[in-house]
N, C-alpha and C. Protein backbone atom coordinates (compact mmCIF):
# COMPACT_ATOMS: atom_id res chain seq x y z
N UNK A 1 69.17 -97.50 -98.80
CA UNK A 1 69.77 -97.69 -97.50
C UNK A 1 68.87 -98.62 -96.71
N UNK A 2 69.45 -99.68 -96.20
CA UNK A 2 68.67 -100.66 -95.45
C UNK A 2 68.42 -100.12 -94.06
N UNK A 3 67.40 -100.72 -93.33
CA UNK A 3 67.05 -100.30 -91.98
C UNK A 3 68.23 -100.47 -91.04
N UNK A 4 69.02 -101.58 -91.26
CA UNK A 4 70.17 -101.82 -90.38
C UNK A 4 71.24 -100.76 -90.59
N UNK A 5 71.35 -100.27 -91.86
CA UNK A 5 72.34 -99.23 -92.14
C UNK A 5 71.93 -97.92 -91.51
N UNK A 6 70.57 -97.64 -91.57
CA UNK A 6 70.07 -96.38 -90.97
C UNK A 6 70.30 -96.36 -89.47
N UNK A 7 70.06 -97.53 -88.84
CA UNK A 7 70.25 -97.59 -87.39
C UNK A 7 71.72 -97.61 -87.01
N UNK A 8 72.53 -98.26 -87.85
CA UNK A 8 73.95 -98.40 -87.55
C UNK A 8 74.75 -97.88 -88.74
N UNK A 9 74.89 -96.56 -88.84
CA UNK A 9 75.60 -96.01 -90.00
C UNK A 9 77.04 -96.52 -90.05
N UNK A 10 77.47 -96.73 -91.30
CA UNK A 10 78.84 -97.23 -91.51
C UNK A 10 79.63 -96.20 -92.25
N UNK A 11 80.89 -96.18 -92.07
CA UNK A 11 81.78 -95.25 -92.74
C UNK A 11 83.09 -95.20 -92.01
N UNK A 12 83.98 -94.42 -92.59
CA UNK A 12 85.30 -94.37 -91.99
C UNK A 12 85.34 -93.63 -90.65
N UNK A 13 84.30 -92.80 -90.35
CA UNK A 13 84.30 -92.02 -89.10
C UNK A 13 83.43 -92.71 -88.07
N UNK A 14 83.61 -92.31 -86.83
CA UNK A 14 82.79 -92.93 -85.77
C UNK A 14 81.31 -92.68 -86.03
N UNK A 15 80.47 -93.59 -85.54
CA UNK A 15 79.03 -93.51 -85.80
C UNK A 15 78.41 -92.25 -85.20
N UNK A 16 78.92 -91.73 -84.11
CA UNK A 16 78.32 -90.54 -83.49
C UNK A 16 78.44 -89.32 -84.39
N UNK A 17 79.44 -89.31 -85.29
CA UNK A 17 79.57 -88.20 -86.25
C UNK A 17 78.41 -88.21 -87.20
N UNK A 18 78.06 -89.43 -87.68
CA UNK A 18 76.94 -89.55 -88.62
C UNK A 18 75.61 -89.19 -87.94
N UNK A 19 75.47 -89.51 -86.66
CA UNK A 19 74.23 -89.17 -85.95
C UNK A 19 74.08 -87.66 -85.78
N UNK A 20 75.18 -87.00 -85.56
CA UNK A 20 75.11 -85.54 -85.43
C UNK A 20 74.68 -84.90 -86.75
N UNK A 21 75.25 -85.43 -87.87
CA UNK A 21 74.90 -84.88 -89.18
C UNK A 21 73.41 -85.08 -89.47
N UNK A 22 72.92 -86.28 -89.12
CA UNK A 22 71.49 -86.54 -89.36
C UNK A 22 70.60 -85.63 -88.49
N UNK A 23 71.03 -85.36 -87.24
CA UNK A 23 70.26 -84.49 -86.35
C UNK A 23 70.20 -83.06 -86.89
N UNK A 24 71.35 -82.57 -87.40
CA UNK A 24 71.39 -81.23 -87.99
C UNK A 24 70.48 -81.15 -89.21
N UNK A 25 70.52 -82.19 -90.05
CA UNK A 25 69.68 -82.21 -91.24
C UNK A 25 68.21 -82.21 -90.86
N UNK A 26 67.85 -82.93 -89.79
CA UNK A 26 66.46 -82.99 -89.35
C UNK A 26 65.98 -81.64 -88.85
N UNK A 27 66.85 -80.94 -88.07
CA UNK A 27 66.48 -79.63 -87.58
C UNK A 27 66.28 -78.63 -88.70
N UNK A 28 67.15 -78.71 -89.72
CA UNK A 28 67.01 -77.82 -90.88
C UNK A 28 65.68 -78.08 -91.59
N UNK A 29 65.33 -79.36 -91.72
CA UNK A 29 64.07 -79.72 -92.39
C UNK A 29 62.87 -79.18 -91.62
N UNK A 30 62.92 -79.29 -90.29
CA UNK A 30 61.82 -78.78 -89.46
C UNK A 30 61.69 -77.27 -89.62
N UNK A 31 62.81 -76.55 -89.64
CA UNK A 31 62.79 -75.10 -89.79
C UNK A 31 62.17 -74.71 -91.12
N UNK A 32 62.51 -75.45 -92.19
CA UNK A 32 61.96 -75.16 -93.52
C UNK A 32 60.45 -75.35 -93.52
N UNK A 33 60.00 -76.44 -92.88
CA UNK A 33 58.55 -76.71 -92.83
C UNK A 33 57.83 -75.58 -92.09
N UNK A 34 58.38 -75.12 -90.96
CA UNK A 34 57.75 -74.03 -90.19
C UNK A 34 57.66 -72.77 -91.02
N UNK A 35 58.73 -72.44 -91.75
CA UNK A 35 58.72 -71.23 -92.58
C UNK A 35 57.66 -71.32 -93.65
N UNK A 36 57.54 -72.49 -94.27
CA UNK A 36 56.53 -72.68 -95.33
C UNK A 36 55.12 -72.51 -94.75
N UNK A 37 54.89 -73.06 -93.56
CA UNK A 37 53.56 -72.94 -92.94
C UNK A 37 53.24 -71.48 -92.65
N UNK A 38 54.21 -70.70 -92.13
CA UNK A 38 53.98 -69.29 -91.84
C UNK A 38 53.67 -68.50 -93.10
N UNK A 39 54.40 -68.81 -94.18
CA UNK A 39 54.16 -68.11 -95.45
C UNK A 39 52.76 -68.39 -95.98
N UNK A 40 52.35 -69.66 -95.90
CA UNK A 40 51.02 -70.03 -96.39
C UNK A 40 49.92 -69.37 -95.56
N UNK A 41 50.14 -69.28 -94.23
CA UNK A 41 49.11 -68.66 -93.38
C UNK A 41 48.97 -67.18 -93.68
N UNK A 42 50.06 -66.50 -94.01
CA UNK A 42 49.98 -65.09 -94.35
C UNK A 42 49.31 -64.86 -95.69
N UNK A 43 49.57 -65.79 -96.64
CA UNK A 43 48.98 -65.65 -97.97
C UNK A 43 47.48 -65.90 -97.96
N UNK A 44 47.03 -66.88 -97.21
CA UNK A 44 45.63 -67.28 -97.27
C UNK A 44 44.82 -66.90 -96.02
N UNK A 45 45.48 -66.39 -95.01
CA UNK A 45 44.77 -66.07 -93.77
C UNK A 45 44.34 -64.63 -93.67
N UNK A 46 44.56 -63.77 -94.69
CA UNK A 46 44.16 -62.37 -94.65
C UNK A 46 45.20 -61.51 -93.95
N UNK A 47 44.90 -60.22 -93.90
CA UNK A 47 45.82 -59.26 -93.29
C UNK A 47 45.85 -59.45 -91.79
N UNK A 48 46.97 -59.21 -91.18
CA UNK A 48 47.05 -59.33 -89.72
C UNK A 48 46.12 -58.35 -89.04
N UNK A 49 45.68 -58.74 -87.84
CA UNK A 49 44.74 -57.88 -87.10
C UNK A 49 45.38 -56.55 -86.80
N UNK A 50 44.61 -55.49 -87.02
CA UNK A 50 45.10 -54.15 -86.70
C UNK A 50 44.92 -53.88 -85.22
N UNK A 51 45.80 -53.06 -84.64
CA UNK A 51 45.64 -52.76 -83.21
C UNK A 51 44.32 -52.06 -82.95
N UNK A 52 43.72 -52.38 -81.81
CA UNK A 52 42.42 -51.83 -81.46
C UNK A 52 42.60 -50.47 -80.83
N UNK A 53 41.83 -49.50 -81.34
CA UNK A 53 41.85 -48.16 -80.77
C UNK A 53 40.81 -48.11 -79.66
N UNK A 54 41.28 -48.00 -78.40
CA UNK A 54 40.36 -48.03 -77.26
C UNK A 54 39.35 -46.89 -77.32
N UNK A 55 39.77 -45.72 -77.79
CA UNK A 55 38.85 -44.59 -77.82
C UNK A 55 37.76 -44.82 -78.86
N UNK A 56 38.13 -45.45 -80.00
CA UNK A 56 37.13 -45.73 -81.02
C UNK A 56 36.15 -46.77 -80.52
N UNK A 57 36.65 -47.77 -79.78
CA UNK A 57 35.78 -48.82 -79.29
C UNK A 57 34.79 -48.27 -78.28
N UNK A 58 35.19 -47.23 -77.54
CA UNK A 58 34.31 -46.69 -76.51
C UNK A 58 33.29 -45.71 -77.06
N UNK A 59 33.52 -45.20 -78.28
CA UNK A 59 32.61 -44.21 -78.85
C UNK A 59 31.27 -44.85 -79.17
N UNK A 60 30.14 -44.17 -78.89
CA UNK A 60 28.83 -44.75 -79.16
C UNK A 60 28.55 -44.84 -80.65
N UNK A 61 27.83 -45.87 -81.05
CA UNK A 61 27.39 -46.00 -82.42
C UNK A 61 26.22 -45.07 -82.66
N UNK A 62 25.78 -44.98 -83.93
CA UNK A 62 24.66 -44.11 -84.23
C UNK A 62 23.40 -44.55 -83.51
N UNK A 63 23.22 -45.87 -83.34
CA UNK A 63 22.04 -46.36 -82.63
C UNK A 63 22.12 -46.02 -81.15
N UNK A 64 23.36 -46.04 -80.58
CA UNK A 64 23.52 -45.66 -79.18
C UNK A 64 23.13 -44.20 -78.97
N UNK A 65 23.55 -43.33 -79.89
CA UNK A 65 23.26 -41.91 -79.75
C UNK A 65 21.76 -41.65 -79.81
N UNK A 66 21.03 -42.48 -80.52
CA UNK A 66 19.60 -42.26 -80.66
C UNK A 66 18.86 -42.49 -79.37
N UNK A 67 19.38 -43.38 -78.51
CA UNK A 67 18.67 -43.70 -77.28
C UNK A 67 19.34 -43.09 -76.05
N UNK A 68 20.49 -42.44 -76.21
CA UNK A 68 21.18 -41.85 -75.06
C UNK A 68 20.37 -40.69 -74.51
N UNK A 69 20.24 -40.56 -73.18
CA UNK A 69 19.47 -39.44 -72.61
C UNK A 69 20.16 -38.13 -72.86
N UNK A 70 19.37 -37.10 -73.20
CA UNK A 70 19.94 -35.78 -73.41
C UNK A 70 20.21 -35.13 -72.06
N UNK A 71 21.24 -34.26 -72.00
CA UNK A 71 21.54 -33.61 -70.72
C UNK A 71 20.39 -32.73 -70.27
N UNK A 72 20.17 -32.63 -68.97
CA UNK A 72 19.08 -31.85 -68.43
C UNK A 72 19.63 -30.77 -67.51
N UNK A 73 19.00 -29.60 -67.56
CA UNK A 73 19.44 -28.52 -66.69
C UNK A 73 18.95 -28.73 -65.26
N UNK A 74 17.97 -29.63 -65.09
CA UNK A 74 17.45 -29.92 -63.76
C UNK A 74 17.96 -31.26 -63.30
N UNK A 75 18.81 -31.30 -62.29
CA UNK A 75 19.31 -32.59 -61.82
C UNK A 75 18.20 -33.47 -61.30
N UNK A 76 18.39 -34.80 -61.42
CA UNK A 76 17.42 -35.74 -60.86
C UNK A 76 17.55 -35.75 -59.34
N UNK A 77 16.41 -35.65 -58.67
CA UNK A 77 16.40 -35.58 -57.22
C UNK A 77 16.15 -36.96 -56.61
N UNK A 78 16.86 -37.26 -55.55
CA UNK A 78 16.60 -38.47 -54.78
C UNK A 78 15.52 -38.14 -53.76
N UNK A 79 14.55 -39.03 -53.60
CA UNK A 79 13.45 -38.76 -52.68
C UNK A 79 13.99 -38.48 -51.28
N UNK A 80 13.53 -37.37 -50.72
CA UNK A 80 13.98 -36.99 -49.40
C UNK A 80 15.13 -36.01 -49.41
N UNK A 81 15.76 -35.78 -50.56
CA UNK A 81 16.84 -34.79 -50.64
C UNK A 81 16.25 -33.39 -50.53
N UNK A 82 17.12 -32.41 -50.29
CA UNK A 82 16.65 -31.03 -50.22
C UNK A 82 16.12 -30.58 -51.57
N UNK A 83 15.00 -29.86 -51.55
CA UNK A 83 14.44 -29.32 -52.80
C UNK A 83 15.37 -28.24 -53.35
N UNK A 84 15.50 -28.21 -54.64
CA UNK A 84 16.22 -27.11 -55.29
C UNK A 84 15.27 -25.91 -55.38
N UNK A 85 15.72 -24.71 -55.03
CA UNK A 85 14.83 -23.55 -55.08
C UNK A 85 14.16 -23.36 -56.44
N UNK A 86 14.87 -23.70 -57.52
CA UNK A 86 14.27 -23.53 -58.85
C UNK A 86 13.14 -24.50 -59.11
N UNK A 87 13.00 -25.53 -58.26
CA UNK A 87 11.90 -26.48 -58.39
C UNK A 87 10.79 -26.23 -57.38
N UNK A 88 10.80 -25.05 -56.74
CA UNK A 88 9.79 -24.73 -55.73
C UNK A 88 9.09 -23.43 -56.13
N UNK A 89 7.77 -23.41 -55.99
CA UNK A 89 7.00 -22.18 -56.23
C UNK A 89 6.23 -21.82 -54.96
N UNK A 90 6.12 -20.53 -54.72
CA UNK A 90 5.36 -20.01 -53.58
C UNK A 90 4.30 -19.05 -54.13
N UNK A 91 3.06 -19.23 -53.69
CA UNK A 91 1.95 -18.38 -54.12
C UNK A 91 1.32 -17.71 -52.90
N UNK A 92 1.29 -16.38 -52.88
CA UNK A 92 0.68 -15.64 -51.78
C UNK A 92 -0.84 -15.75 -51.88
N UNK A 93 -1.50 -15.83 -50.69
CA UNK A 93 -2.95 -16.00 -50.64
C UNK A 93 -3.54 -15.08 -49.58
N UNK A 94 -4.65 -14.42 -49.90
CA UNK A 94 -5.46 -13.73 -48.90
C UNK A 94 -6.83 -14.41 -48.86
N UNK A 95 -7.50 -14.36 -47.70
CA UNK A 95 -8.78 -15.06 -47.60
C UNK A 95 -9.95 -14.26 -48.16
N UNK A 96 -9.63 -13.07 -48.69
CA UNK A 96 -10.65 -12.27 -49.37
C UNK A 96 -9.95 -11.26 -50.26
N UNK A 97 -10.69 -10.72 -51.20
CA UNK A 97 -10.12 -9.68 -52.07
C UNK A 97 -10.37 -8.28 -51.50
N UNK A 98 -11.31 -8.18 -50.56
CA UNK A 98 -11.65 -6.88 -50.00
C UNK A 98 -12.10 -7.07 -48.55
N UNK A 99 -11.73 -6.10 -47.68
CA UNK A 99 -12.02 -6.21 -46.25
C UNK A 99 -12.70 -4.93 -45.77
N UNK A 100 -13.78 -5.14 -44.98
CA UNK A 100 -14.46 -4.00 -44.37
C UNK A 100 -13.67 -3.46 -43.21
N UNK A 101 -14.17 -2.38 -42.65
CA UNK A 101 -13.44 -1.69 -41.58
C UNK A 101 -13.29 -2.55 -40.33
N UNK A 102 -14.20 -3.51 -40.14
CA UNK A 102 -14.13 -4.37 -38.97
C UNK A 102 -13.56 -5.76 -39.27
N UNK A 103 -12.96 -5.94 -40.43
CA UNK A 103 -12.40 -7.24 -40.84
C UNK A 103 -10.88 -7.15 -40.93
N UNK A 104 -10.22 -8.21 -40.51
CA UNK A 104 -8.76 -8.27 -40.59
C UNK A 104 -8.34 -9.33 -41.61
N UNK A 105 -7.42 -8.99 -42.50
CA UNK A 105 -7.02 -9.94 -43.56
C UNK A 105 -6.32 -11.18 -42.99
N UNK A 106 -6.68 -12.34 -43.52
CA UNK A 106 -5.96 -13.58 -43.24
C UNK A 106 -4.96 -13.83 -44.36
N UNK A 107 -3.69 -13.97 -43.99
CA UNK A 107 -2.60 -14.09 -44.97
C UNK A 107 -2.01 -15.50 -44.91
N UNK A 108 -1.77 -16.09 -46.07
CA UNK A 108 -1.22 -17.45 -46.13
C UNK A 108 -0.43 -17.60 -47.43
N UNK A 109 0.05 -18.81 -47.65
CA UNK A 109 0.75 -19.09 -48.91
C UNK A 109 0.57 -20.57 -49.26
N UNK A 110 0.73 -20.86 -50.52
CA UNK A 110 0.77 -22.23 -51.02
C UNK A 110 2.17 -22.49 -51.57
N UNK A 111 2.74 -23.63 -51.22
CA UNK A 111 4.06 -24.00 -51.71
C UNK A 111 3.94 -25.30 -52.48
N UNK A 112 4.68 -25.40 -53.58
CA UNK A 112 4.57 -26.59 -54.44
C UNK A 112 5.94 -26.98 -54.98
N UNK A 113 6.11 -28.27 -55.16
CA UNK A 113 7.33 -28.84 -55.74
C UNK A 113 7.05 -29.14 -57.20
N UNK A 114 7.74 -28.45 -58.09
CA UNK A 114 7.54 -28.65 -59.52
C UNK A 114 8.52 -29.66 -60.12
N UNK A 115 9.35 -30.28 -59.27
CA UNK A 115 10.31 -31.28 -59.75
C UNK A 115 9.63 -32.61 -60.01
N UNK A 116 10.43 -33.64 -60.24
CA UNK A 116 9.91 -34.96 -60.59
C UNK A 116 10.00 -35.96 -59.45
N UNK A 117 10.58 -35.56 -58.33
CA UNK A 117 10.71 -36.48 -57.19
C UNK A 117 10.42 -35.73 -55.91
N UNK A 118 9.95 -36.47 -54.91
CA UNK A 118 9.68 -35.85 -53.61
C UNK A 118 10.97 -35.29 -53.02
N UNK A 119 10.86 -34.18 -52.32
CA UNK A 119 12.03 -33.56 -51.71
C UNK A 119 11.61 -32.81 -50.46
N UNK A 120 12.59 -32.38 -49.68
CA UNK A 120 12.34 -31.73 -48.39
C UNK A 120 12.69 -30.25 -48.47
N UNK A 121 11.80 -29.42 -47.91
CA UNK A 121 12.04 -27.97 -47.92
C UNK A 121 11.68 -27.40 -46.55
N UNK A 122 12.51 -26.49 -46.07
CA UNK A 122 12.27 -25.85 -44.78
C UNK A 122 11.23 -24.75 -44.96
N UNK A 123 10.02 -24.98 -44.40
CA UNK A 123 8.94 -24.00 -44.53
C UNK A 123 8.63 -23.34 -43.19
N UNK A 124 9.49 -23.50 -42.21
CA UNK A 124 9.24 -22.96 -40.87
C UNK A 124 9.26 -21.45 -40.83
N UNK A 125 8.79 -20.86 -39.72
CA UNK A 125 8.78 -19.40 -39.57
C UNK A 125 10.15 -18.75 -39.74
N UNK A 126 11.22 -19.51 -39.48
CA UNK A 126 12.55 -18.94 -39.71
C UNK A 126 12.76 -18.56 -41.18
N UNK A 127 12.03 -19.24 -42.06
CA UNK A 127 12.20 -19.03 -43.50
C UNK A 127 11.08 -18.18 -44.11
N UNK A 128 10.01 -17.94 -43.36
CA UNK A 128 8.85 -17.23 -43.90
C UNK A 128 8.97 -15.72 -43.68
N UNK A 129 8.62 -14.97 -44.71
CA UNK A 129 8.52 -13.51 -44.56
C UNK A 129 7.26 -13.05 -45.30
N UNK A 130 6.33 -12.48 -44.55
CA UNK A 130 5.13 -11.86 -45.12
C UNK A 130 5.34 -10.34 -45.11
N UNK A 131 5.10 -9.70 -46.21
CA UNK A 131 5.17 -8.24 -46.25
C UNK A 131 3.92 -7.70 -46.92
N UNK A 132 3.44 -6.57 -46.41
CA UNK A 132 2.28 -5.88 -46.99
C UNK A 132 2.75 -4.49 -47.41
N UNK A 133 2.52 -4.16 -48.66
CA UNK A 133 2.96 -2.88 -49.21
C UNK A 133 1.78 -2.19 -49.88
N UNK A 134 1.96 -0.91 -50.08
CA UNK A 134 1.01 -0.12 -50.86
C UNK A 134 1.81 0.95 -51.58
N UNK A 135 1.75 0.93 -52.90
CA UNK A 135 2.61 1.83 -53.67
C UNK A 135 4.06 1.49 -53.41
N UNK A 136 4.86 2.47 -53.06
CA UNK A 136 6.28 2.27 -52.76
C UNK A 136 6.53 2.03 -51.28
N UNK A 137 5.48 2.01 -50.48
CA UNK A 137 5.64 1.99 -49.04
C UNK A 137 5.36 0.60 -48.47
N UNK A 138 6.23 0.13 -47.56
CA UNK A 138 5.97 -1.10 -46.83
C UNK A 138 5.26 -0.76 -45.52
N UNK A 139 4.10 -1.42 -45.33
CA UNK A 139 3.30 -1.14 -44.13
C UNK A 139 3.51 -2.17 -43.04
N UNK A 140 3.80 -3.38 -43.40
CA UNK A 140 3.86 -4.43 -42.37
C UNK A 140 4.78 -5.56 -42.82
N UNK A 141 5.51 -6.14 -41.85
CA UNK A 141 6.36 -7.31 -42.11
C UNK A 141 6.24 -8.27 -40.94
N UNK A 142 6.12 -9.55 -41.24
CA UNK A 142 6.03 -10.56 -40.18
C UNK A 142 7.34 -10.69 -39.41
N UNK A 143 8.43 -10.17 -39.93
CA UNK A 143 9.73 -10.26 -39.26
C UNK A 143 9.95 -9.18 -38.22
N UNK A 144 9.14 -8.12 -38.25
CA UNK A 144 9.39 -6.97 -37.37
C UNK A 144 9.32 -7.35 -35.90
N UNK A 145 8.33 -8.14 -35.51
CA UNK A 145 8.15 -8.46 -34.09
C UNK A 145 8.07 -9.97 -33.87
N UNK A 146 8.76 -10.72 -34.69
CA UNK A 146 8.74 -12.17 -34.60
C UNK A 146 9.52 -12.63 -33.36
N UNK A 147 8.99 -13.65 -32.67
CA UNK A 147 9.67 -14.18 -31.48
C UNK A 147 9.82 -15.69 -31.58
N UNK A 148 11.00 -16.17 -31.32
CA UNK A 148 11.31 -17.61 -31.26
C UNK A 148 10.83 -18.38 -32.49
N UNK A 149 11.24 -17.98 -33.69
CA UNK A 149 10.85 -18.75 -34.88
C UNK A 149 11.55 -20.10 -34.89
N UNK A 150 10.93 -21.07 -35.54
CA UNK A 150 11.49 -22.42 -35.60
C UNK A 150 11.61 -22.87 -37.05
N UNK A 151 12.44 -23.88 -37.26
CA UNK A 151 12.52 -24.54 -38.56
C UNK A 151 11.46 -25.62 -38.64
N UNK A 152 11.04 -25.93 -39.85
CA UNK A 152 10.05 -27.00 -40.06
C UNK A 152 10.25 -27.57 -41.46
N UNK A 153 10.93 -28.73 -41.52
CA UNK A 153 11.16 -29.38 -42.80
C UNK A 153 9.89 -30.09 -43.24
N UNK A 154 9.51 -29.88 -44.48
CA UNK A 154 8.29 -30.48 -45.03
C UNK A 154 8.63 -31.28 -46.27
N UNK A 155 8.12 -32.52 -46.34
CA UNK A 155 8.29 -33.34 -47.54
C UNK A 155 7.27 -32.89 -48.59
N UNK A 156 7.76 -32.45 -49.73
CA UNK A 156 6.90 -31.98 -50.81
C UNK A 156 6.86 -33.02 -51.92
N UNK A 157 5.67 -33.57 -52.16
CA UNK A 157 5.50 -34.48 -53.27
C UNK A 157 5.42 -33.69 -54.57
N UNK A 158 5.83 -34.27 -55.70
CA UNK A 158 5.79 -33.53 -56.97
C UNK A 158 4.37 -33.07 -57.32
N UNK A 159 4.24 -31.78 -57.60
CA UNK A 159 2.98 -31.20 -58.08
C UNK A 159 1.81 -31.40 -57.12
N UNK A 160 2.11 -31.43 -55.83
CA UNK A 160 1.05 -31.51 -54.81
C UNK A 160 1.19 -30.27 -53.92
N UNK A 161 0.43 -29.19 -54.20
CA UNK A 161 0.56 -27.96 -53.42
C UNK A 161 0.16 -28.16 -51.96
N UNK A 162 0.85 -27.45 -51.08
CA UNK A 162 0.55 -27.47 -49.64
C UNK A 162 0.30 -26.03 -49.21
N UNK A 163 -0.83 -25.82 -48.50
CA UNK A 163 -1.21 -24.48 -48.07
C UNK A 163 -0.95 -24.30 -46.58
N UNK A 164 -0.36 -23.16 -46.23
CA UNK A 164 -0.02 -22.88 -44.83
C UNK A 164 -1.27 -22.46 -44.05
N UNK A 165 -1.14 -22.51 -42.73
CA UNK A 165 -2.17 -21.94 -41.86
C UNK A 165 -2.11 -20.41 -42.00
N UNK A 166 -3.26 -19.73 -42.06
CA UNK A 166 -3.23 -18.27 -42.22
C UNK A 166 -2.79 -17.56 -40.94
N UNK A 167 -2.17 -16.41 -41.13
CA UNK A 167 -1.89 -15.50 -40.01
C UNK A 167 -2.71 -14.24 -40.22
N UNK A 168 -2.94 -13.51 -39.18
CA UNK A 168 -3.82 -12.34 -39.26
C UNK A 168 -3.00 -11.06 -39.23
N UNK A 169 -3.33 -10.15 -40.14
CA UNK A 169 -2.74 -8.81 -40.11
C UNK A 169 -3.76 -7.89 -39.44
N UNK A 170 -3.31 -7.18 -38.44
CA UNK A 170 -4.22 -6.31 -37.69
C UNK A 170 -4.41 -4.94 -38.33
N UNK A 171 -3.93 -4.79 -39.56
CA UNK A 171 -4.08 -3.56 -40.35
C UNK A 171 -3.39 -2.36 -39.70
N UNK A 172 -2.24 -2.64 -39.06
CA UNK A 172 -1.44 -1.55 -38.51
C UNK A 172 -0.08 -1.51 -39.21
N UNK A 173 0.57 -0.37 -39.06
CA UNK A 173 1.92 -0.22 -39.63
C UNK A 173 2.93 -0.76 -38.61
N UNK A 174 3.75 -1.72 -39.03
CA UNK A 174 4.69 -2.34 -38.10
C UNK A 174 6.10 -1.78 -38.27
N UNK A 175 6.89 -1.95 -37.21
CA UNK A 175 8.32 -1.66 -37.26
C UNK A 175 8.95 -2.36 -36.06
N UNK A 176 10.25 -2.55 -36.11
CA UNK A 176 10.94 -3.22 -35.01
C UNK A 176 10.90 -2.39 -33.73
N UNK A 177 10.64 -1.10 -33.86
CA UNK A 177 10.66 -0.21 -32.69
C UNK A 177 9.30 -0.10 -32.00
N UNK A 178 8.26 -0.69 -32.58
CA UNK A 178 6.92 -0.51 -32.01
C UNK A 178 6.31 -1.81 -31.52
N UNK A 179 7.13 -2.84 -31.33
CA UNK A 179 6.60 -4.13 -30.86
C UNK A 179 6.03 -3.96 -29.45
N UNK A 180 4.80 -4.44 -29.27
CA UNK A 180 4.16 -4.33 -27.96
C UNK A 180 3.55 -2.98 -27.70
N UNK A 181 3.63 -2.07 -28.65
CA UNK A 181 3.04 -0.74 -28.48
C UNK A 181 1.84 -0.59 -29.41
N UNK A 182 1.05 0.41 -29.13
CA UNK A 182 -0.06 0.73 -30.05
C UNK A 182 0.53 1.37 -31.30
N UNK A 183 0.11 0.85 -32.43
CA UNK A 183 0.69 1.32 -33.69
C UNK A 183 -0.38 1.98 -34.55
N UNK A 184 0.05 2.85 -35.45
CA UNK A 184 -0.94 3.55 -36.30
C UNK A 184 -1.59 2.58 -37.28
N UNK A 185 -2.87 2.81 -37.56
CA UNK A 185 -3.61 1.96 -38.48
C UNK A 185 -3.25 2.31 -39.93
N UNK A 186 -3.28 1.28 -40.78
CA UNK A 186 -3.06 1.50 -42.21
C UNK A 186 -4.32 2.15 -42.80
N UNK A 187 -4.15 3.04 -43.74
CA UNK A 187 -5.32 3.72 -44.31
C UNK A 187 -6.26 2.75 -45.01
N UNK A 188 -7.56 3.00 -44.91
CA UNK A 188 -8.57 2.21 -45.61
C UNK A 188 -9.21 3.06 -46.69
N UNK A 189 -10.55 3.00 -46.77
CA UNK A 189 -11.26 3.83 -47.75
C UNK A 189 -11.03 3.39 -49.18
N UNK A 190 -10.83 2.10 -49.38
CA UNK A 190 -10.64 1.60 -50.74
C UNK A 190 -9.18 1.54 -51.18
N UNK A 191 -8.26 1.69 -50.24
CA UNK A 191 -6.83 1.62 -50.59
C UNK A 191 -6.44 0.19 -50.98
N UNK A 192 -5.58 0.09 -51.99
CA UNK A 192 -5.10 -1.21 -52.47
C UNK A 192 -3.77 -1.55 -51.83
N UNK A 193 -3.66 -2.78 -51.34
CA UNK A 193 -2.43 -3.28 -50.72
C UNK A 193 -2.00 -4.56 -51.46
N UNK A 194 -0.74 -4.90 -51.24
CA UNK A 194 -0.18 -6.08 -51.91
C UNK A 194 0.52 -6.96 -50.87
N UNK A 195 0.22 -8.25 -50.95
CA UNK A 195 0.89 -9.22 -50.08
C UNK A 195 1.97 -9.94 -50.88
N UNK A 196 3.17 -9.97 -50.32
CA UNK A 196 4.28 -10.76 -50.86
C UNK A 196 4.72 -11.76 -49.80
N UNK A 197 5.01 -12.98 -50.22
CA UNK A 197 5.48 -14.01 -49.29
C UNK A 197 6.74 -14.63 -49.86
N UNK A 198 7.76 -14.77 -49.03
CA UNK A 198 8.95 -15.52 -49.42
C UNK A 198 9.17 -16.64 -48.42
N UNK A 199 9.59 -17.79 -48.93
CA UNK A 199 9.94 -18.94 -48.09
C UNK A 199 11.34 -19.36 -48.50
N UNK A 200 12.29 -19.10 -47.64
CA UNK A 200 13.67 -19.35 -48.03
C UNK A 200 14.06 -18.44 -49.19
N UNK A 201 14.62 -19.05 -50.23
CA UNK A 201 15.08 -18.28 -51.38
C UNK A 201 14.00 -18.08 -52.43
N UNK A 202 12.79 -18.57 -52.16
CA UNK A 202 11.72 -18.51 -53.16
C UNK A 202 10.70 -17.44 -52.76
N UNK A 203 10.39 -16.54 -53.69
CA UNK A 203 9.47 -15.44 -53.41
C UNK A 203 8.26 -15.53 -54.32
N UNK A 204 7.10 -15.16 -53.78
CA UNK A 204 5.86 -15.18 -54.55
C UNK A 204 5.73 -13.93 -55.41
N UNK A 205 4.77 -13.97 -56.32
CA UNK A 205 4.32 -12.76 -56.98
C UNK A 205 3.37 -12.05 -56.03
N UNK A 206 3.28 -10.71 -56.11
CA UNK A 206 2.36 -9.99 -55.20
C UNK A 206 0.89 -10.26 -55.54
N UNK A 207 0.07 -10.33 -54.50
CA UNK A 207 -1.37 -10.48 -54.70
C UNK A 207 -2.06 -9.27 -54.07
N UNK A 208 -3.01 -8.69 -54.78
CA UNK A 208 -3.65 -7.44 -54.35
C UNK A 208 -4.90 -7.71 -53.52
N UNK A 209 -5.17 -6.80 -52.59
CA UNK A 209 -6.43 -6.81 -51.84
C UNK A 209 -6.75 -5.37 -51.45
N UNK A 210 -7.96 -5.12 -51.02
CA UNK A 210 -8.44 -3.76 -50.74
C UNK A 210 -8.90 -3.66 -49.29
N UNK A 211 -8.53 -2.55 -48.66
CA UNK A 211 -9.06 -2.21 -47.33
C UNK A 211 -10.11 -1.10 -47.49
N UNK A 212 -11.36 -1.43 -47.12
CA UNK A 212 -12.44 -0.45 -47.22
C UNK A 212 -12.40 0.53 -46.03
């Protein structure tokens, strides 16, 4: 077929009929080529990508698990936040182990933050309770005749104990009904007494001392 025949098809029908036939044939040829290309890509391009499982992708690898922090029963504290009672210790203190008849015991406490960050704890008289006992009997409590106690927030650095100012026990038996009155003296003669101190929700272990 000459170039002039291709451009100007001849035949018994109008030329536009021949152009339509050629256009249809061209479209069929293009479709065949596309199908062949798709088949070849599937044969040589490997298996189609599998859908991604989001939960599997988010799961840590074995190396991730090795470096992941283990859960802790003690929450991390932000500096300046309130101290957790479980991270605070209170230790009762007396200024002597034994007192003569003319000596009055000085009572105090040490408070410490056992956590890993500085925190704030209310150590004011509103939160302090000193009690002196002997055997099963309570002889004295700082709450019996307390007047106008105040709050006092203290910043506690980790593992830095802070000791309170001592208060004096006059070696008498206290009660809420005897404030401002003369009260009976606690027995001496070698009697053993125990000081307990609580600050807020934290209580000390008892510490022993003797009244001669």
